[in-house]
N, C-alpha and C. Protein backbone atom coordinates (compact mmCIF):
# COMPACT_ATOMS: atom_id res chain seq x y z
N MET A 1 -86.71 -119.55 99.71
CA MET A 1 -87.94 -118.76 99.56
C MET A 1 -88.85 -119.02 100.75
N THR A 2 -89.09 -118.00 101.53
CA THR A 2 -89.81 -118.20 102.78
C THR A 2 -91.27 -117.75 102.73
N LYS A 3 -91.68 -117.08 101.66
CA LYS A 3 -93.07 -116.65 101.58
C LYS A 3 -93.51 -116.61 100.12
N SER A 4 -94.82 -116.64 99.92
CA SER A 4 -95.37 -116.53 98.58
C SER A 4 -95.44 -115.06 98.18
N TYR A 5 -95.29 -114.79 96.88
CA TYR A 5 -95.39 -113.40 96.43
C TYR A 5 -95.80 -113.34 94.96
N ALA A 6 -96.28 -112.18 94.54
CA ALA A 6 -96.74 -111.98 93.16
C ALA A 6 -95.55 -111.78 92.23
N VAL A 7 -95.61 -112.40 91.03
CA VAL A 7 -94.56 -112.22 90.02
C VAL A 7 -95.22 -111.88 88.69
N ALA A 8 -94.47 -111.16 87.84
CA ALA A 8 -94.98 -110.74 86.54
C ALA A 8 -95.11 -111.94 85.61
N ILE A 9 -96.16 -111.94 84.75
CA ILE A 9 -96.35 -113.06 83.83
C ILE A 9 -96.56 -112.62 82.38
N ASN A 10 -96.66 -111.32 82.11
CA ASN A 10 -96.88 -110.88 80.73
C ASN A 10 -95.92 -109.74 80.38
N THR A 11 -95.88 -109.40 79.11
CA THR A 11 -95.04 -108.29 78.67
C THR A 11 -95.93 -107.08 78.39
N VAL A 12 -95.36 -105.89 78.62
CA VAL A 12 -96.12 -104.65 78.42
C VAL A 12 -95.25 -103.68 77.63
N GLU A 13 -95.87 -102.97 76.70
CA GLU A 13 -95.22 -101.85 76.01
C GLU A 13 -96.18 -100.66 76.08
N ASP A 14 -95.73 -99.56 76.64
CA ASP A 14 -96.60 -98.40 76.83
C ASP A 14 -95.80 -97.12 76.60
N GLU A 15 -96.40 -96.15 75.94
CA GLU A 15 -95.68 -94.93 75.59
C GLU A 15 -96.38 -93.69 76.13
N MET A 16 -95.57 -92.72 76.57
CA MET A 16 -96.11 -91.42 76.95
C MET A 16 -95.20 -90.33 76.39
N ILE A 17 -95.77 -89.16 76.14
CA ILE A 17 -95.04 -88.02 75.60
C ILE A 17 -94.97 -86.95 76.68
N VAL A 18 -93.76 -86.46 76.95
CA VAL A 18 -93.57 -85.37 77.91
C VAL A 18 -92.71 -84.30 77.24
N ASN A 19 -93.33 -83.13 76.98
CA ASN A 19 -92.61 -82.02 76.31
C ASN A 19 -91.86 -82.50 75.07
N ARG A 20 -92.57 -83.22 74.24
CA ARG A 20 -92.09 -83.74 72.95
C ARG A 20 -91.07 -84.87 73.06
N SER A 21 -90.63 -85.24 74.27
CA SER A 21 -89.80 -86.43 74.44
C SER A 21 -90.70 -87.66 74.54
N ARG A 22 -90.30 -88.72 73.83
CA ARG A 22 -91.04 -89.98 73.89
C ARG A 22 -90.43 -90.86 74.98
N PHE A 23 -91.26 -91.38 75.85
CA PHE A 23 -90.84 -92.34 76.88
C PHE A 23 -91.60 -93.63 76.64
N ILE A 24 -90.89 -94.67 76.17
CA ILE A 24 -91.53 -95.95 75.88
C ILE A 24 -91.10 -96.94 76.97
N CYS A 25 -92.07 -97.40 77.76
CA CYS A 25 -91.76 -98.31 78.86
C CYS A 25 -92.08 -99.75 78.47
N TYR A 26 -91.10 -100.60 78.65
CA TYR A 26 -91.26 -102.04 78.44
C TYR A 26 -91.17 -102.75 79.79
N LEU A 27 -92.12 -103.61 80.06
CA LEU A 27 -92.08 -104.46 81.26
C LEU A 27 -91.99 -105.91 80.81
N ARG A 28 -91.08 -106.66 81.40
CA ARG A 28 -90.91 -108.08 81.06
C ARG A 28 -90.71 -108.90 82.34
N PRO A 29 -91.20 -110.14 82.37
CA PRO A 29 -90.86 -111.03 83.49
C PRO A 29 -89.35 -111.21 83.55
N CYS A 30 -88.80 -111.28 84.75
CA CYS A 30 -87.34 -111.32 84.91
C CYS A 30 -87.00 -111.94 86.26
N ASP A 31 -86.25 -113.07 86.25
CA ASP A 31 -85.95 -113.74 87.52
C ASP A 31 -84.45 -113.80 87.83
N SER A 32 -83.63 -113.05 87.07
CA SER A 32 -82.19 -113.03 87.36
C SER A 32 -81.56 -111.79 86.76
N ILE A 33 -80.38 -111.43 87.26
CA ILE A 33 -79.65 -110.29 86.72
C ILE A 33 -79.28 -110.55 85.27
N ALA A 34 -78.90 -111.80 84.98
CA ALA A 34 -78.55 -112.16 83.59
C ALA A 34 -79.73 -111.94 82.65
N ALA A 35 -80.93 -112.31 83.10
CA ALA A 35 -82.12 -112.12 82.27
C ALA A 35 -82.38 -110.64 82.03
N ALA A 36 -82.17 -109.83 83.07
CA ALA A 36 -82.37 -108.38 82.93
C ALA A 36 -81.42 -107.81 81.89
N LYS A 37 -80.16 -108.25 81.91
CA LYS A 37 -79.17 -107.75 80.96
C LYS A 37 -79.56 -108.11 79.52
N VAL A 38 -80.11 -109.31 79.34
CA VAL A 38 -80.56 -109.74 78.01
C VAL A 38 -81.69 -108.85 77.52
N ILE A 39 -82.63 -108.53 78.40
CA ILE A 39 -83.76 -107.68 78.04
C ILE A 39 -83.28 -106.29 77.64
N VAL A 40 -82.38 -105.72 78.44
CA VAL A 40 -81.86 -104.37 78.14
C VAL A 40 -81.13 -104.37 76.80
N LYS A 41 -80.30 -105.39 76.57
CA LYS A 41 -79.54 -105.46 75.32
C LYS A 41 -80.48 -105.59 74.12
N GLU A 42 -81.53 -106.38 74.27
CA GLU A 42 -82.51 -106.55 73.18
C GLU A 42 -83.16 -105.22 72.82
N LEU A 43 -83.53 -104.43 73.84
CA LEU A 43 -84.22 -103.17 73.58
C LEU A 43 -83.26 -102.09 73.08
N GLN A 44 -81.99 -102.19 73.48
CA GLN A 44 -81.00 -101.30 72.90
C GLN A 44 -80.86 -101.56 71.41
N GLY A 45 -80.93 -102.83 71.03
CA GLY A 45 -80.87 -103.20 69.62
C GLY A 45 -82.12 -102.78 68.85
N LEU A 46 -83.27 -102.80 69.55
CA LEU A 46 -84.54 -102.44 68.92
C LEU A 46 -84.64 -100.93 68.73
N HIS A 47 -83.98 -100.17 69.60
CA HIS A 47 -84.03 -98.70 69.54
C HIS A 47 -82.62 -98.12 69.53
N PRO A 48 -81.85 -98.37 68.47
CA PRO A 48 -80.46 -97.90 68.46
C PRO A 48 -80.32 -96.38 68.40
N GLN A 49 -81.34 -95.68 67.94
CA GLN A 49 -81.27 -94.22 67.81
C GLN A 49 -81.79 -93.48 69.04
N ALA A 50 -82.27 -94.22 70.05
CA ALA A 50 -82.82 -93.57 71.24
C ALA A 50 -81.73 -92.86 72.04
N SER A 51 -82.14 -91.82 72.76
CA SER A 51 -81.19 -91.05 73.57
C SER A 51 -80.71 -91.84 74.79
N HIS A 52 -81.63 -92.57 75.40
CA HIS A 52 -81.31 -93.30 76.63
C HIS A 52 -82.12 -94.60 76.70
N HIS A 53 -81.53 -95.59 77.36
CA HIS A 53 -82.22 -96.86 77.66
C HIS A 53 -82.07 -97.09 79.17
N CYS A 54 -82.92 -96.46 79.96
CA CYS A 54 -82.81 -96.57 81.42
C CYS A 54 -83.60 -97.78 81.91
N TYR A 55 -83.14 -98.37 83.01
CA TYR A 55 -83.84 -99.58 83.46
C TYR A 55 -83.80 -99.73 84.97
N ALA A 56 -84.71 -100.58 85.44
CA ALA A 56 -84.74 -101.02 86.84
C ALA A 56 -85.35 -102.41 86.84
N PHE A 57 -84.87 -103.26 87.75
CA PHE A 57 -85.43 -104.63 87.77
C PHE A 57 -85.46 -105.18 89.18
N LEU A 58 -86.38 -106.11 89.38
CA LEU A 58 -86.51 -106.87 90.63
C LEU A 58 -86.44 -108.34 90.26
N THR A 59 -85.50 -109.08 90.84
CA THR A 59 -85.42 -110.52 90.55
C THR A 59 -86.11 -111.35 91.62
N LYS A 60 -86.55 -110.70 92.69
CA LYS A 60 -87.22 -111.42 93.78
C LYS A 60 -88.55 -110.71 94.07
N ALA A 61 -89.05 -110.82 95.30
CA ALA A 61 -90.29 -110.15 95.67
C ALA A 61 -90.11 -108.63 95.62
N SER A 62 -91.21 -107.90 95.44
CA SER A 62 -91.12 -106.45 95.31
C SER A 62 -90.57 -105.78 96.57
N ASP A 63 -90.77 -106.42 97.73
CA ASP A 63 -90.29 -105.83 98.98
C ASP A 63 -89.00 -106.47 99.49
N ASP A 64 -88.34 -107.27 98.63
CA ASP A 64 -87.07 -107.89 99.01
C ASP A 64 -85.95 -106.88 98.84
N SER A 65 -85.12 -106.73 99.85
CA SER A 65 -84.05 -105.72 99.82
C SER A 65 -82.85 -106.17 98.99
N GLN A 66 -82.90 -107.37 98.44
CA GLN A 66 -81.83 -107.86 97.57
C GLN A 66 -82.41 -108.18 96.20
N GLY A 67 -81.52 -108.45 95.24
CA GLY A 67 -81.98 -108.90 93.93
C GLY A 67 -82.59 -107.82 93.07
N TYR A 68 -82.07 -106.59 93.16
CA TYR A 68 -82.57 -105.54 92.29
C TYR A 68 -81.40 -104.78 91.67
N GLY A 69 -81.69 -103.98 90.68
CA GLY A 69 -80.67 -103.16 90.04
C GLY A 69 -81.32 -102.06 89.23
N PHE A 70 -80.52 -101.05 88.83
CA PHE A 70 -81.08 -99.96 88.03
C PHE A 70 -79.94 -99.19 87.36
N SER A 71 -80.29 -98.42 86.34
CA SER A 71 -79.30 -97.60 85.62
C SER A 71 -79.96 -96.35 85.06
N ASP A 72 -79.24 -95.24 85.16
CA ASP A 72 -79.71 -93.97 84.58
C ASP A 72 -79.29 -93.84 83.11
N ASP A 73 -78.37 -94.68 82.67
CA ASP A 73 -77.90 -94.69 81.27
C ASP A 73 -77.65 -93.29 80.71
N GLY A 74 -76.87 -92.50 81.44
CA GLY A 74 -76.47 -91.19 80.92
C GLY A 74 -77.35 -90.03 81.34
N GLU A 75 -78.54 -90.31 81.88
CA GLU A 75 -79.35 -89.24 82.45
C GLU A 75 -78.69 -88.77 83.75
N PRO A 76 -78.98 -87.54 84.21
CA PRO A 76 -78.40 -87.09 85.49
C PRO A 76 -78.65 -88.09 86.61
N SER A 77 -77.64 -88.31 87.44
CA SER A 77 -77.71 -89.33 88.50
C SER A 77 -78.97 -89.18 89.35
N GLY A 78 -79.67 -90.30 89.52
CA GLY A 78 -80.85 -90.33 90.38
C GLY A 78 -82.14 -89.89 89.72
N THR A 79 -82.11 -89.56 88.42
CA THR A 79 -83.32 -89.04 87.77
C THR A 79 -84.12 -90.09 87.02
N ALA A 80 -83.56 -91.30 86.82
CA ALA A 80 -84.25 -92.30 85.99
C ALA A 80 -84.35 -93.65 86.69
N GLY A 81 -83.21 -94.32 86.86
CA GLY A 81 -83.22 -95.67 87.43
C GLY A 81 -83.86 -95.75 88.80
N LYS A 82 -83.48 -94.85 89.71
CA LYS A 82 -84.02 -94.90 91.08
C LYS A 82 -85.52 -94.65 91.12
N PRO A 83 -86.02 -93.61 90.43
CA PRO A 83 -87.48 -93.43 90.43
C PRO A 83 -88.22 -94.62 89.83
N MET A 84 -87.64 -95.22 88.80
CA MET A 84 -88.25 -96.40 88.18
C MET A 84 -88.30 -97.55 89.19
N LEU A 85 -87.17 -97.76 89.89
CA LEU A 85 -87.10 -98.84 90.88
C LEU A 85 -88.12 -98.62 92.00
N ALA A 86 -88.24 -97.38 92.45
CA ALA A 86 -89.17 -97.07 93.54
C ALA A 86 -90.61 -97.40 93.14
N VAL A 87 -90.96 -97.12 91.88
CA VAL A 87 -92.31 -97.43 91.41
C VAL A 87 -92.52 -98.94 91.32
N LEU A 88 -91.50 -99.67 90.82
CA LEU A 88 -91.60 -101.13 90.77
C LEU A 88 -91.80 -101.71 92.16
N GLN A 89 -91.00 -101.24 93.12
CA GLN A 89 -91.09 -101.76 94.47
C GLN A 89 -92.46 -101.46 95.09
N GLY A 90 -93.02 -100.32 94.75
CA GLY A 90 -94.33 -99.95 95.27
C GLY A 90 -95.48 -100.65 94.55
N GLY A 91 -95.17 -101.27 93.40
CA GLY A 91 -96.21 -101.91 92.61
C GLY A 91 -96.66 -103.25 93.16
N GLY A 92 -95.84 -103.85 94.01
CA GLY A 92 -96.23 -105.11 94.66
C GLY A 92 -96.03 -106.36 93.82
N ILE A 93 -95.40 -106.22 92.64
CA ILE A 93 -95.17 -107.38 91.77
C ILE A 93 -93.67 -107.57 91.59
N GLY A 94 -93.17 -108.76 91.92
CA GLY A 94 -91.74 -109.05 91.81
C GLY A 94 -91.38 -109.70 90.49
N GLN A 95 -90.09 -110.02 90.35
CA GLN A 95 -89.55 -110.68 89.15
C GLN A 95 -90.00 -109.96 87.88
N VAL A 96 -89.64 -108.69 87.80
CA VAL A 96 -90.02 -107.87 86.65
C VAL A 96 -88.89 -106.91 86.31
N CYS A 97 -88.70 -106.67 85.01
CA CYS A 97 -87.71 -105.71 84.53
C CYS A 97 -88.43 -104.60 83.77
N ALA A 98 -88.10 -103.35 84.09
CA ALA A 98 -88.66 -102.20 83.37
C ALA A 98 -87.53 -101.49 82.63
N VAL A 99 -87.73 -101.27 81.35
CA VAL A 99 -86.79 -100.50 80.54
C VAL A 99 -87.57 -99.34 79.93
N VAL A 100 -87.11 -98.11 80.17
CA VAL A 100 -87.74 -96.94 79.56
C VAL A 100 -86.80 -96.38 78.51
N VAL A 101 -87.25 -96.42 77.27
CA VAL A 101 -86.48 -95.91 76.13
C VAL A 101 -86.92 -94.46 75.89
N ARG A 102 -85.96 -93.53 75.90
CA ARG A 102 -86.30 -92.12 75.71
C ARG A 102 -85.74 -91.60 74.38
N TYR A 103 -86.63 -90.96 73.64
CA TYR A 103 -86.22 -90.20 72.46
C TYR A 103 -86.34 -88.72 72.82
N PHE A 104 -85.22 -88.03 72.90
CA PHE A 104 -85.20 -86.63 73.33
C PHE A 104 -85.96 -85.74 72.34
N GLY A 105 -86.83 -84.91 72.87
CA GLY A 105 -87.67 -84.06 72.02
C GLY A 105 -87.21 -82.64 71.87
N GLY A 106 -86.03 -82.32 72.42
CA GLY A 106 -85.49 -80.98 72.24
C GLY A 106 -85.68 -80.05 73.42
N THR A 107 -86.50 -80.44 74.39
CA THR A 107 -86.74 -79.61 75.57
C THR A 107 -86.23 -80.33 76.81
N LYS A 108 -85.32 -79.70 77.54
CA LYS A 108 -84.82 -80.29 78.79
C LYS A 108 -85.90 -80.25 79.85
N LEU A 109 -85.97 -81.32 80.62
CA LEU A 109 -87.04 -81.45 81.62
C LEU A 109 -86.59 -81.08 83.03
N GLY A 110 -85.27 -80.98 83.25
CA GLY A 110 -84.78 -80.75 84.62
C GLY A 110 -84.84 -82.02 85.44
N THR A 111 -84.15 -82.01 86.58
CA THR A 111 -84.09 -83.25 87.37
C THR A 111 -85.46 -83.70 87.88
N GLY A 112 -86.25 -82.76 88.37
CA GLY A 112 -87.58 -83.12 88.86
C GLY A 112 -88.48 -83.62 87.75
N GLY A 113 -88.39 -82.98 86.59
CA GLY A 113 -89.20 -83.39 85.45
C GLY A 113 -88.82 -84.78 84.96
N LEU A 114 -87.51 -85.07 84.97
CA LEU A 114 -87.06 -86.40 84.56
C LEU A 114 -87.54 -87.47 85.53
N GLN A 115 -87.42 -87.20 86.82
CA GLN A 115 -87.88 -88.16 87.83
C GLN A 115 -89.37 -88.46 87.65
N ARG A 116 -90.16 -87.42 87.42
CA ARG A 116 -91.60 -87.61 87.23
C ARG A 116 -91.89 -88.37 85.94
N ALA A 117 -91.12 -88.06 84.89
CA ALA A 117 -91.36 -88.70 83.59
C ALA A 117 -91.01 -90.19 83.63
N TYR A 118 -89.83 -90.52 84.16
CA TYR A 118 -89.42 -91.93 84.20
C TYR A 118 -90.27 -92.73 85.17
N GLY A 119 -90.51 -92.17 86.35
CA GLY A 119 -91.36 -92.86 87.32
C GLY A 119 -92.78 -93.00 86.81
N GLY A 120 -93.29 -91.94 86.19
CA GLY A 120 -94.66 -91.95 85.67
C GLY A 120 -94.83 -92.93 84.52
N SER A 121 -93.79 -93.07 83.71
CA SER A 121 -93.83 -94.01 82.59
C SER A 121 -94.00 -95.44 83.10
N VAL A 122 -93.23 -95.79 84.12
CA VAL A 122 -93.35 -97.13 84.70
C VAL A 122 -94.69 -97.30 85.40
N ARG A 123 -95.12 -96.28 86.12
CA ARG A 123 -96.39 -96.37 86.86
C ARG A 123 -97.55 -96.61 85.91
N GLN A 124 -97.53 -95.91 84.76
CA GLN A 124 -98.60 -96.08 83.78
C GLN A 124 -98.56 -97.48 83.18
N ALA A 125 -97.35 -97.98 82.88
CA ALA A 125 -97.22 -99.32 82.29
C ALA A 125 -97.66 -100.41 83.27
N LEU A 126 -97.43 -100.20 84.55
CA LEU A 126 -97.77 -101.21 85.56
C LEU A 126 -99.27 -101.51 85.59
N THR A 127 -100.08 -100.56 85.13
CA THR A 127 -101.53 -100.81 85.13
C THR A 127 -101.91 -101.93 84.18
N PHE A 128 -101.01 -102.26 83.23
CA PHE A 128 -101.27 -103.33 82.27
C PHE A 128 -100.56 -104.64 82.63
N LEU A 129 -99.79 -104.63 83.71
CA LEU A 129 -99.01 -105.81 84.07
C LEU A 129 -99.87 -106.83 84.82
N GLN A 130 -99.79 -108.08 84.40
CA GLN A 130 -100.52 -109.17 85.06
C GLN A 130 -99.55 -109.96 85.93
N SER A 131 -100.08 -110.63 86.92
CA SER A 131 -99.21 -111.37 87.85
C SER A 131 -99.88 -112.67 88.29
N LYS A 132 -99.06 -113.53 88.88
CA LYS A 132 -99.56 -114.74 89.53
C LYS A 132 -98.80 -114.88 90.85
N ILE A 133 -99.31 -115.71 91.72
CA ILE A 133 -98.64 -115.91 93.01
C ILE A 133 -97.62 -117.04 92.90
N LYS A 134 -96.38 -116.73 93.23
CA LYS A 134 -95.34 -117.74 93.29
C LYS A 134 -95.36 -118.35 94.69
N ILE A 135 -95.62 -119.65 94.74
CA ILE A 135 -95.82 -120.32 96.02
C ILE A 135 -94.49 -120.61 96.71
N ALA A 136 -94.43 -120.31 97.99
CA ALA A 136 -93.23 -120.63 98.77
C ALA A 136 -93.11 -122.14 98.91
N MET A 137 -91.96 -122.68 98.50
CA MET A 137 -91.72 -124.11 98.54
C MET A 137 -90.61 -124.44 99.53
N VAL A 138 -90.76 -125.59 100.21
CA VAL A 138 -89.75 -126.10 101.13
C VAL A 138 -89.16 -127.37 100.51
N HIS A 139 -87.85 -127.50 100.52
CA HIS A 139 -87.19 -128.67 99.94
C HIS A 139 -86.89 -129.70 101.03
N LYS A 140 -87.31 -130.94 100.80
CA LYS A 140 -87.14 -132.02 101.78
C LYS A 140 -86.68 -133.30 101.09
N THR A 141 -86.10 -134.18 101.87
CA THR A 141 -85.72 -135.51 101.39
C THR A 141 -86.61 -136.55 102.07
N LEU A 142 -86.95 -137.59 101.32
CA LEU A 142 -87.76 -138.67 101.87
C LEU A 142 -87.23 -140.00 101.36
N ALA A 143 -86.97 -140.92 102.27
CA ALA A 143 -86.56 -142.28 101.92
C ALA A 143 -87.74 -143.22 102.18
N CYS A 144 -88.08 -144.04 101.17
CA CYS A 144 -89.20 -144.96 101.36
C CYS A 144 -88.92 -146.28 100.67
N GLN A 145 -89.74 -147.26 100.97
CA GLN A 145 -89.63 -148.57 100.32
C GLN A 145 -90.26 -148.49 98.92
N TYR A 146 -89.84 -149.40 98.04
CA TYR A 146 -90.41 -149.43 96.70
C TYR A 146 -91.92 -149.59 96.73
N SER A 147 -92.40 -150.36 97.70
CA SER A 147 -93.84 -150.61 97.80
C SER A 147 -94.62 -149.37 98.23
N GLN A 148 -93.90 -148.36 98.74
CA GLN A 148 -94.57 -147.14 99.23
C GLN A 148 -94.56 -146.01 98.20
N VAL A 149 -93.87 -146.20 97.09
CA VAL A 149 -93.68 -145.11 96.12
C VAL A 149 -95.01 -144.55 95.62
N ASP A 150 -95.92 -145.43 95.21
CA ASP A 150 -97.20 -144.96 94.66
C ASP A 150 -97.96 -144.12 95.69
N GLY A 151 -97.95 -144.56 96.93
CA GLY A 151 -98.64 -143.83 97.99
C GLY A 151 -98.02 -142.46 98.24
N VAL A 152 -96.69 -142.42 98.22
CA VAL A 152 -95.99 -141.14 98.42
C VAL A 152 -96.30 -140.17 97.29
N LEU A 153 -96.26 -140.66 96.05
CA LEU A 153 -96.53 -139.79 94.90
C LEU A 153 -97.98 -139.29 94.90
N HIS A 154 -98.89 -140.12 95.37
CA HIS A 154 -100.30 -139.72 95.47
C HIS A 154 -100.46 -138.59 96.49
N LEU A 155 -99.79 -138.75 97.64
CA LEU A 155 -99.85 -137.71 98.66
C LEU A 155 -99.22 -136.41 98.16
N LEU A 156 -98.12 -136.55 97.45
CA LEU A 156 -97.42 -135.37 96.94
C LEU A 156 -98.30 -134.58 95.98
N LYS A 157 -99.04 -135.30 95.14
CA LYS A 157 -99.95 -134.65 94.20
C LYS A 157 -101.05 -133.92 94.95
N GLN A 158 -101.53 -134.51 96.03
CA GLN A 158 -102.61 -133.89 96.81
C GLN A 158 -102.17 -132.56 97.43
N VAL A 159 -100.90 -132.46 97.83
CA VAL A 159 -100.42 -131.23 98.46
C VAL A 159 -99.73 -130.30 97.45
N GLU A 160 -99.83 -130.65 96.15
CA GLU A 160 -99.29 -129.82 95.06
C GLU A 160 -97.77 -129.67 95.15
N GLY A 161 -97.10 -130.77 95.54
CA GLY A 161 -95.65 -130.77 95.59
C GLY A 161 -95.03 -131.33 94.32
N ASN A 162 -93.71 -131.25 94.24
CA ASN A 162 -92.99 -131.72 93.04
C ASN A 162 -91.81 -132.61 93.44
N VAL A 163 -91.50 -133.57 92.57
CA VAL A 163 -90.28 -134.37 92.74
C VAL A 163 -89.14 -133.66 92.03
N LEU A 164 -88.09 -133.30 92.78
CA LEU A 164 -86.92 -132.63 92.19
C LEU A 164 -85.93 -133.65 91.66
N ALA A 165 -85.80 -134.77 92.38
CA ALA A 165 -84.87 -135.82 91.96
C ALA A 165 -85.27 -137.11 92.67
N GLN A 166 -84.84 -138.25 92.10
CA GLN A 166 -85.11 -139.54 92.75
C GLN A 166 -83.94 -140.48 92.50
N ASP A 167 -83.61 -141.22 93.54
CA ASP A 167 -82.45 -142.10 93.47
C ASP A 167 -82.89 -143.48 93.96
N TYR A 168 -82.79 -144.46 93.05
CA TYR A 168 -83.25 -145.82 93.38
C TYR A 168 -82.08 -146.65 93.88
N GLN A 169 -82.05 -146.87 95.19
CA GLN A 169 -81.02 -147.70 95.81
C GLN A 169 -81.74 -148.85 96.52
N GLN A 170 -81.25 -149.22 97.71
CA GLN A 170 -82.02 -150.22 98.48
C GLN A 170 -83.39 -149.66 98.82
N GLN A 171 -83.41 -148.37 99.06
CA GLN A 171 -84.67 -147.64 99.20
C GLN A 171 -84.76 -146.61 98.06
N VAL A 172 -85.91 -146.01 97.93
CA VAL A 172 -86.06 -144.90 96.97
C VAL A 172 -85.86 -143.60 97.73
N ILE A 173 -84.91 -142.80 97.28
CA ILE A 173 -84.63 -141.52 97.93
C ILE A 173 -85.20 -140.40 97.06
N PHE A 174 -86.19 -139.71 97.58
CA PHE A 174 -86.80 -138.59 96.85
C PHE A 174 -86.27 -137.25 97.37
N SER A 175 -86.00 -136.33 96.46
CA SER A 175 -85.82 -134.92 96.82
C SER A 175 -87.10 -134.22 96.38
N LEU A 176 -87.76 -133.56 97.33
CA LEU A 176 -89.10 -133.03 97.09
C LEU A 176 -89.16 -131.52 97.32
N ALA A 177 -90.04 -130.87 96.59
CA ALA A 177 -90.39 -129.47 96.84
C ALA A 177 -91.87 -129.45 97.22
N ILE A 178 -92.14 -128.97 98.43
CA ILE A 178 -93.50 -129.00 98.97
C ILE A 178 -93.92 -127.59 99.36
N PRO A 179 -95.12 -127.16 98.97
CA PRO A 179 -95.60 -125.84 99.40
C PRO A 179 -95.53 -125.72 100.92
N GLU A 180 -94.94 -124.62 101.37
CA GLU A 180 -94.73 -124.45 102.81
C GLU A 180 -96.04 -124.58 103.59
N ALA A 181 -97.11 -124.06 103.02
CA ALA A 181 -98.41 -124.09 103.70
C ALA A 181 -98.95 -125.51 103.86
N ASN A 182 -98.47 -126.45 103.03
CA ASN A 182 -98.98 -127.82 103.06
C ASN A 182 -98.00 -128.81 103.70
N LEU A 183 -96.90 -128.31 104.23
CA LEU A 183 -95.85 -129.18 104.75
C LEU A 183 -96.33 -130.06 105.90
N SER A 184 -97.01 -129.47 106.87
CA SER A 184 -97.45 -130.25 108.03
C SER A 184 -98.48 -131.29 107.62
N ARG A 185 -99.33 -130.92 106.65
CA ARG A 185 -100.33 -131.87 106.15
C ARG A 185 -99.65 -133.07 105.48
N MET A 186 -98.61 -132.80 104.70
CA MET A 186 -97.88 -133.87 104.03
C MET A 186 -97.25 -134.80 105.06
N GLN A 187 -96.65 -134.23 106.09
CA GLN A 187 -95.99 -135.05 107.11
C GLN A 187 -97.00 -135.92 107.87
N GLU A 188 -98.14 -135.34 108.19
CA GLU A 188 -99.18 -136.10 108.91
C GLU A 188 -99.68 -137.28 108.06
N GLN A 189 -99.88 -137.03 106.77
CA GLN A 189 -100.41 -138.09 105.90
C GLN A 189 -99.35 -139.18 105.66
N LEU A 190 -98.08 -138.79 105.63
CA LEU A 190 -97.01 -139.79 105.51
C LEU A 190 -96.98 -140.69 106.75
N GLN A 191 -97.18 -140.07 107.90
CA GLN A 191 -97.20 -140.84 109.15
C GLN A 191 -98.34 -141.87 109.12
N THR A 192 -99.49 -141.44 108.62
CA THR A 192 -100.65 -142.33 108.53
C THR A 192 -100.39 -143.46 107.53
N LEU A 193 -99.82 -143.08 106.37
CA LEU A 193 -99.54 -144.05 105.31
C LEU A 193 -98.58 -145.14 105.78
N SER A 194 -97.60 -144.78 106.61
CA SER A 194 -96.51 -145.70 106.94
C SER A 194 -96.49 -146.13 108.40
N SER A 195 -97.58 -145.84 109.12
CA SER A 195 -97.63 -146.15 110.56
C SER A 195 -96.45 -145.52 111.30
N GLY A 196 -96.14 -144.28 110.90
CA GLY A 196 -95.10 -143.53 111.60
C GLY A 196 -93.68 -143.76 111.10
N GLN A 197 -93.49 -144.57 110.06
CA GLN A 197 -92.14 -144.88 109.59
C GLN A 197 -91.53 -143.78 108.71
N LEU A 198 -92.32 -143.19 107.86
CA LEU A 198 -91.79 -142.22 106.90
C LEU A 198 -91.66 -140.84 107.52
N GLN A 199 -90.52 -140.21 107.26
CA GLN A 199 -90.24 -138.90 107.87
C GLN A 199 -89.54 -138.01 106.85
N LEU A 200 -90.06 -136.82 106.67
CA LEU A 200 -89.39 -135.84 105.82
C LEU A 200 -88.17 -135.28 106.54
N THR A 201 -87.05 -135.17 105.84
CA THR A 201 -85.85 -134.59 106.45
C THR A 201 -85.33 -133.47 105.57
N ALA A 202 -84.48 -132.62 106.15
CA ALA A 202 -83.92 -131.49 105.40
C ALA A 202 -82.97 -132.01 104.33
N LEU A 203 -82.95 -131.32 103.19
CA LEU A 203 -81.98 -131.65 102.14
C LEU A 203 -80.58 -131.40 102.68
N SER A 204 -79.65 -132.29 102.35
CA SER A 204 -78.25 -132.08 102.79
C SER A 204 -77.66 -130.90 102.05
N SER A 205 -76.66 -130.24 102.61
CA SER A 205 -76.08 -129.04 102.03
C SER A 205 -75.37 -129.31 100.72
N THR A 206 -75.08 -130.57 100.44
CA THR A 206 -74.36 -130.90 99.21
C THR A 206 -75.30 -131.18 98.06
N SER A 207 -76.60 -131.24 98.36
CA SER A 207 -77.54 -131.59 97.29
C SER A 207 -77.86 -130.37 96.43
């Protein structure tokens, strides 16, 4: 993760009617393809009589070209999933899954009408979506003496970092996650704490 970005933190349910068809949009936080599949399956179970369960999801930042997916679920190709995805990507909030459940009202909408209905359903629901900033973290390893542990943990708290793992050998080996914006500050303070002895290093590829 190389930059901070907004992610979804609440669930939304919003409904609109277009030519007697019901379009119910659900928005849920979602950080993996597996999570998206669980959400879709849950809503299929909640609405077994619906005509379609179309979806689009982002598992990363809204402008990330990877980690997304969509489905028209039987609607004409390109009329549901893609318009939904385009609205999500334009919304600026990542890690979100949108499922639009449609109950057919007896009037065909045509391809343009479907695109507007599915995209509009997500756009309307997005006005209720809340987000927080996911901080870009850098993973580092640090080896220190037992006598330095308290000082290291104090510095880590100051820069809002986290301990991912710790291994007590002749020295204490920490695996750390540090906010990218605070990395240089952490390194400078470690240098001061240890008179230049302590150094953050990259995590090994096997960790």
